[in-house]
Amino acid sequence: MRDAVGREAAPAFRPGTWLRKQDRARTDGKLTQQQTALLDALHRHAETVTG
């Protein structure tokens, strides 16, 4: 599997775990407004891809 720039993807990267961690950071008020908007867009994209 390759990452976004064509390198071998990190085997330990788990998107679900990362998203949950970001959601916690948002709940704790640790994300900026822009980071929150990007996280929301990523969730919407994931929902459209997975159905």
Foldseek 3Di string as FASTA:
>chain_A
DADPVGHRDDPPDDVVVVLVVVVVCVVVVNDDPVSVVVSVVVVVVVVVVVD
